[in-house]
């Protein structure tokens, strides 16, 4: 039997105006996934999970679904066991499903020496998102594979990765409320937005990318905004205290955005200010009797093998 243990990062998509285009890998939280193969075991996929519960059926598990597709495409006929330590809360807006899918794609590529490029790994990992979101979108799996910050653009989509300025850090605010469904969060979105909102979003997205490259929190403060998705999701209950969060971010002079479909928020600031910023957001939610979990973290690397 051959096996591999990999670490797969949480990720934050959109960061304001970058709907389905922007993604950021986080150092914490993360999943640990063990993948093992027993040669000629009979085309069986077995899944076990510790931590947060997720489906064990390969057709409904994002990692299992990726394994099924890779087994078919590469004529793999072995018994594949997938053991998941699920530390990224499902339905949190932190790319939990993408982490599992990316980990399995990475491990199978290495175990079978398939020599897939990172772009090809993203494509396979994105197939797992069909299970959770109904469509193979790339915005979480791209940073989960590449690490750092990724931009997805073009038709067919291409991935443009870069490493943000190291002076920046991240605070993730995860309210303790009912979990959001990515599928439902996408269903409520409009098919079009007006021209004035579109051009403002182009400006916001540009400022966000520039702020990450230059390490300028003032640009992130002005850029991490959105006129097409966030407020609609907040209105439909996918985000708590949306206006209050934005007001607090303005007061603190930092960038903040709904992370993916929520309910988590992501704030980006200078690393030496993260502790006080985290405490400010904790008080905001707890003063309104909403508990929240806080992660103080950094931009992370993509999925990788661990001992």
Foldseek 3Di string as FASTA:
>chain_A
DDKFKKKFFWKFFDLALQVLFKMFTWPPDIKIKMKDWDAQAAPAEFEEEDDADDDGPLVQQLQSVLVVVVCVVVVGGIYMYMYMHQPDHPLALGCSSLRSLLQNLVGVCVVVVVPDDLVVSLQSSLVSCCNQAVGSGRNGNSCQSAFAMWGWDDVVTDIDHDHFDQQKWKKKKGWPDDGHGNNVLVVQFDPDDDPVQVVVSVVLVVLCVVCRRVVPFLSLLSRSHHDGRQVSLVVVPQEPPVVVVNVVCVVVNGHKYAGHSHNMMMIMDGLVCQVVVNVVVQCVQVVVVIGIDMDTTGGTGHMDTDD
